[in-house]
Every structure is written in C-alpha cells, then in structure tokens.
Amino acid sequence: MSTTNKGDLDTLLSVKRAEAAGKFTEEKKKVYADGITSVATSGVLENALNIDSKAPDFTLKNALGKSVSLYDELKNGPVVLTWYRGGWCPYCNITLHYLQEKLPEFQKAGATLIAITPELPDNSLSTSEKNNLEFTVLSDVGNKVGKEYGVVFTLTKEVAAIYEAGFGLSEVNGDDSNELPLAATYVIDTDATVTYAFLDADYRERAEVTEILAALAKLK
C-alpha cells in the first residue's frame, strides 16, 4: 500500500472492490449487497449526527489505556473524527494507512485526527501497530459513543454469520450484538459544531481527504 501517493483514496479502494468482486461467489455478493441495502433503509443515515449539529463530548481510552476527551482535543483546534469497523476490514485498513500518509496535511491545517473503533482495546492496538498509526485510535466498546452520534446499525443475520465464521466478530468486539458503526467521518470545529459529515450505507465508500481538507480550510 506504499503506492497511495499515486492516486486518491477511492482509487485504492476500487482495487479492493474489484478484487472482492472477482473472488466472491454470486451468493456472497448478494448477501453483502443485501446488507448494504439493509443499512440504507434502516434510518441510520437520516438519524446520524449531521452538519450544524453539536458533537457530543466523550472520553474513551486508546490502545495504551490513556483516556482521551473530544472536548479537550477541541481546545487545541478542530478534530477530524472517523469511524472504522475493525482491523479485520480491508477497506478500513487501506483507509487508515492512507490517513496516516496524509496526517501531515491534517496537522498543517491545525486539526487532530481521531479514529474510533468498536474493537476491544487489545485488538485496536494490533491495528495501530499493523498500520504504524501516529494518530489516536480509540476503543468504543459496545458502540456507546457511536450510538450517541447515531452511526450504529445492526448487521443482517447473513452478514453477521459470515463475519462470525470468518474472524469471530463477537470476540473481537467483546459482545454478540452484531452492531457496527458506519464508516462515518466528521469535521468538528472548536465550538463542537459539525461542519462536514460523510455518511454512506456502503462500507466500501470513504470520505476523501481532499474533501476533509477543504472543510478544514473553511474554518480558518
């Protein structure tokens, strides 16, 4: 994934999408497609925190057990808050790696980048190590913060069964709720106002860094 500077994030993700399309059976493709449709019709996109909303404060622990508070971070400048499903998700890993490469641009814009995952802290640490991440990764066990932001949905039984058999979702997240967050991204200004929101039912789609940076530029 060291070729990220040759194209934008969607170009990288499209390679993974094509790879999956060539590898999955028609039955598996339909299960995943139905899963995306289920998210789209669940109401989560309409109910999720959106532009001009006030972002709720939260305090979560990072992989090393240190508590991080959103409002404390906002004292230093705007925050880019992004959710990822887990280290088991290849689209998430591509995105995290890309965000790491673009971290200097976020820092130049005066922003702090924070990623949130429902993975247990031990598992989120392996994700951090694997991607050599220099930004904060917080563990939102039980999706408590995700629910406050309205970005949590329940997997279909069919998708949940694939995830459980494939990598043990319930063990990774420490519960059997079969709930996951959208791959949502927010830009939050220092007064806690959301000025940019990326919300999509399709986990294979992610916020483009150019859009995030443009939203940050408008804050100055």
Protein backbone atom coordinates (compact mmCIF):
# COMPACT_ATOMS: atom_id res chain seq x y z
CA MET A 1 0.00 0.00 0.00
CA SER A 2 3.01 2.27 -0.32
CA THR A 3 1.67 3.46 -3.68
CA THR A 4 -1.01 5.63 -2.05
CA ASN A 5 0.61 8.82 -3.31
CA LYS A 6 -0.16 7.76 -6.88
CA GLY A 7 -3.90 8.10 -6.50
CA ASP A 8 -6.64 9.21 -4.24
CA LEU A 9 -8.32 7.04 -1.66
CA ASP A 10 -11.17 5.92 -3.89
CA THR A 11 -8.67 4.67 -6.48
CA LEU A 12 -7.11 2.47 -3.82
CA LEU A 13 -10.46 1.25 -2.56
CA SER A 14 -11.63 0.48 -6.10
CA VAL A 15 -8.78 -2.02 -6.44
CA LYS A 16 -10.02 -3.82 -3.32
CA ARG A 17 -13.62 -3.66 -4.58
CA ALA A 18 -12.61 -5.25 -7.90
CA GLU A 19 -10.57 -7.90 -6.10
CA ALA A 20 -13.54 -8.83 -3.89
CA ALA A 21 -15.90 -8.92 -6.87
CA GLY A 22 -13.64 -11.40 -8.61
CA LYS A 23 -13.22 -13.57 -5.53
CA PHE A 24 -16.71 -13.76 -4.01
CA THR A 25 -19.39 -16.19 -5.11
CA GLU A 26 -22.62 -14.73 -6.50
CA GLU A 27 -24.35 -15.82 -3.31
CA LYS A 28 -21.85 -13.98 -1.12
CA LYS A 29 -22.08 -10.87 -3.29
CA LYS A 30 -25.85 -10.90 -2.86
CA VAL A 31 -25.57 -11.29 0.92
CA TYR A 32 -23.26 -8.26 1.12
CA ALA A 33 -25.39 -6.22 -1.31
CA ASP A 34 -28.50 -7.02 0.73
CA GLY A 35 -26.57 -5.98 3.84
CA ILE A 36 -25.80 -2.56 2.34
CA THR A 37 -29.45 -2.17 1.32
CA SER A 38 -30.47 -3.03 4.87
CA VAL A 39 -28.26 -0.24 6.22
CA ALA A 40 -29.58 2.23 3.65
CA THR A 41 -33.20 1.53 4.61
CA SER A 42 -32.62 1.28 8.38
CA GLY A 43 -32.91 5.02 9.01
CA VAL A 44 -29.35 5.29 10.34
CA LEU A 45 -28.30 7.74 7.61
CA GLU A 46 -31.20 10.05 8.41
CA ASN A 47 -30.71 9.82 12.18
CA ALA A 48 -26.93 10.18 12.31
CA LEU A 49 -25.37 13.41 13.54
CA ASN A 50 -25.03 15.78 10.61
CA ILE A 51 -23.77 19.23 9.61
CA ASP A 52 -24.59 22.07 12.03
CA SER A 53 -25.23 19.62 14.89
CA LYS A 54 -23.32 19.88 18.15
CA ALA A 55 -20.97 16.94 18.60
CA PRO A 56 -21.47 15.25 22.00
CA ASP A 57 -18.41 15.12 24.21
CA PHE A 58 -16.95 11.73 25.05
CA THR A 59 -13.99 10.21 26.83
CA LEU A 60 -12.60 6.94 25.52
CA LYS A 61 -9.37 5.03 26.06
CA ASN A 62 -6.73 4.49 23.45
CA ALA A 63 -4.91 1.21 22.91
CA LEU A 64 -2.49 2.03 25.75
CA GLY A 65 -5.29 2.72 28.23
CA LYS A 66 -4.95 6.51 28.19
CA SER A 67 -8.23 8.46 28.33
CA VAL A 68 -8.86 10.93 25.51
CA SER A 69 -11.66 13.52 25.62
CA LEU A 70 -13.10 15.09 22.48
CA TYR A 71 -13.66 18.50 24.09
CA ASP A 72 -10.12 18.51 25.48
CA GLU A 73 -8.80 17.88 21.97
CA LEU A 74 -11.00 20.68 20.58
CA LYS A 75 -9.13 23.14 22.81
CA ASN A 76 -6.15 22.58 20.50
CA GLY A 77 -8.06 23.02 17.24
CA PRO A 78 -10.65 21.26 15.08
CA VAL A 79 -10.97 17.48 15.14
CA VAL A 80 -11.39 15.04 12.27
CA LEU A 81 -13.35 12.16 13.75
CA THR A 82 -13.59 8.96 11.73
CA TRP A 83 -15.05 5.55 12.49
CA TYR A 84 -13.63 2.28 11.32
CA ARG A 85 -15.23 -1.11 11.65
CA GLY A 86 -12.14 -3.00 12.75
CA GLY A 87 -8.72 -4.31 11.81
CA TRP A 88 -10.44 -7.24 10.10
CA CYS A 89 -11.92 -4.88 7.46
CA PRO A 90 -9.58 -4.46 4.46
CA TYR A 91 -11.29 -1.23 3.39
CA CYS A 92 -10.68 0.18 6.86
CA ASN A 93 -7.02 -0.79 6.80
CA ILE A 94 -6.50 0.83 3.40
CA THR A 95 -8.22 3.97 4.69
CA LEU A 96 -6.24 4.11 7.94
CA HIS A 97 -2.97 3.67 6.07
CA TYR A 98 -3.93 6.46 3.66
CA LEU A 99 -4.95 8.76 6.51
CA GLN A 100 -1.58 8.11 8.13
CA GLU A 101 0.18 9.19 4.93
CA LYS A 102 -1.93 12.36 4.83
CA LEU A 103 -1.51 13.11 8.55
CA PRO A 104 0.99 15.94 7.95
CA GLU A 105 -1.66 17.73 5.87
CA PHE A 106 -4.20 17.46 8.69
CA GLN A 107 -1.59 18.75 11.13
CA LYS A 108 -0.71 21.63 8.80
CA ALA A 109 -4.42 22.54 8.83
CA GLY A 110 -4.26 22.61 12.64
CA ALA A 111 -6.51 19.57 13.08
CA THR A 112 -6.31 16.48 15.26
CA LEU A 113 -7.22 13.15 13.66
CA ILE A 114 -9.05 10.63 15.84
CA ALA A 115 -10.27 7.20 14.76
CA ILE A 116 -12.90 5.25 16.71
CA THR A 117 -13.50 1.51 16.55
CA PRO A 118 -15.81 -0.85 18.45
CA GLU A 119 -12.91 -3.30 18.75
CA LEU A 120 -11.67 -4.13 22.21
CA PRO A 121 -8.51 -2.17 23.13
CA ASP A 122 -6.21 -5.17 22.70
CA ASN A 123 -7.45 -5.62 19.15
CA SER A 124 -7.26 -1.92 18.28
CA LEU A 125 -3.62 -1.91 19.38
CA SER A 126 -2.80 -4.61 16.84
CA THR A 127 -4.48 -2.45 14.20
CA SER A 128 -2.40 0.55 15.28
CA GLU A 129 0.80 -1.45 15.19
CA LYS A 130 -0.07 -3.06 11.88
CA ASN A 131 -0.65 0.29 10.21
CA ASN A 132 2.06 2.21 12.13
CA LEU A 133 -0.51 4.81 13.02
CA GLU A 134 0.64 8.05 14.61
CA PHE A 135 -2.85 9.39 15.26
CA THR A 136 -5.18 8.49 18.11
CA VAL A 137 -7.20 5.28 17.87
CA LEU A 138 -9.95 4.98 20.49
CA SER A 139 -11.89 1.90 21.52
CA ASP A 140 -15.66 2.43 21.75
CA VAL A 141 -16.67 -0.84 23.38
CA GLY A 142 -20.36 -1.52 22.87
CA ASN A 143 -20.56 1.35 20.36
CA LYS A 144 -21.68 3.70 23.15
CA VAL A 145 -20.28 6.84 21.52
CA GLY A 146 -21.30 5.58 18.09
CA LYS A 147 -24.88 5.38 19.32
CA GLU A 148 -24.72 8.93 20.68
CA TYR A 149 -23.67 10.04 17.21
CA GLY A 150 -26.35 7.86 15.63
CA VAL A 151 -23.98 5.96 13.35
CA VAL A 152 -24.61 2.42 14.63
CA PHE A 153 -26.64 -0.22 12.81
CA THR A 154 -27.31 -3.95 13.17
CA LEU A 155 -25.89 -6.38 10.62
CA THR A 156 -28.22 -8.71 8.78
CA LYS A 157 -28.14 -12.27 10.13
CA GLU A 158 -26.47 -13.46 6.93
CA VAL A 159 -23.63 -10.92 7.05
CA ALA A 160 -23.21 -11.45 10.81
CA ALA A 161 -22.86 -15.19 10.22
CA ILE A 162 -20.11 -14.62 7.62
CA TYR A 163 -18.24 -12.27 9.96
CA GLU A 164 -18.57 -14.63 12.91
CA ALA A 165 -17.29 -17.60 10.92
CA GLY A 166 -14.57 -15.56 9.23
CA PHE A 167 -12.89 -13.79 12.13
CA GLY A 168 -15.10 -14.01 15.21
CA LEU A 169 -16.78 -10.59 15.34
CA SER A 170 -18.25 -11.18 18.80
CA GLU A 171 -14.83 -11.99 20.23
CA VAL A 172 -13.13 -9.02 18.53
CA ASN A 173 -15.78 -6.59 19.83
CA GLY A 174 -16.48 -8.30 23.15
CA ASP A 175 -20.24 -8.63 22.59
CA ASP A 176 -22.73 -10.52 20.44
CA SER A 177 -24.87 -7.54 19.41
CA ASN A 178 -23.84 -7.79 15.73
CA GLU A 179 -23.76 -3.99 15.70
CA LEU A 180 -21.24 -1.94 13.74
CA PRO A 181 -20.75 1.76 13.02
CA LEU A 182 -20.98 3.37 9.63
CA ALA A 183 -17.60 4.33 8.20
CA ALA A 184 -18.56 7.91 9.08
CA THR A 185 -16.24 10.90 9.13
CA TYR A 186 -16.87 14.29 10.74
CA VAL A 187 -15.02 17.58 10.84
CA ILE A 188 -15.76 19.19 14.21
CA ASP A 189 -14.94 22.87 14.82
CA THR A 190 -13.53 24.12 18.13
CA ASP A 191 -17.04 25.06 19.34
CA ALA A 192 -18.06 21.40 18.80
CA THR A 193 -20.14 22.19 15.71
CA VAL A 194 -20.08 19.59 12.95
CA THR A 195 -19.07 21.35 9.72
CA TYR A 196 -18.57 18.28 7.49
CA ALA A 197 -20.20 14.87 7.58
CA PHE A 198 -19.55 11.81 5.43
CA LEU A 199 -22.28 9.20 5.83
CA ASP A 200 -22.73 6.27 3.45
CA ALA A 201 -24.52 2.93 3.75
CA ASP A 202 -21.77 1.25 1.73
CA TYR A 203 -18.77 0.37 3.90
CA ARG A 204 -16.59 0.34 0.77
CA GLU A 205 -17.04 4.10 0.34
CA ARG A 206 -14.98 6.51 2.44
CA ALA A 207 -14.53 10.24 2.89
CA GLU A 208 -11.92 11.68 0.56
CA VAL A 209 -9.05 13.51 2.23
CA THR A 210 -9.37 16.37 -0.27
CA GLU A 211 -12.95 16.93 0.96
CA ILE A 212 -11.88 16.80 4.61
CA LEU A 213 -9.05 19.27 4.00
CA ALA A 214 -11.40 21.59 2.11
CA ALA A 215 -13.77 21.53 5.10
CA LEU A 216 -10.87 22.34 7.43
CA ALA A 217 -9.76 25.21 5.20
CA LYS A 218 -13.19 26.80 5.52
CA LEU A 219 -12.75 27.02 9.29
CA LYS A 220 -9.88 29.47 9.04
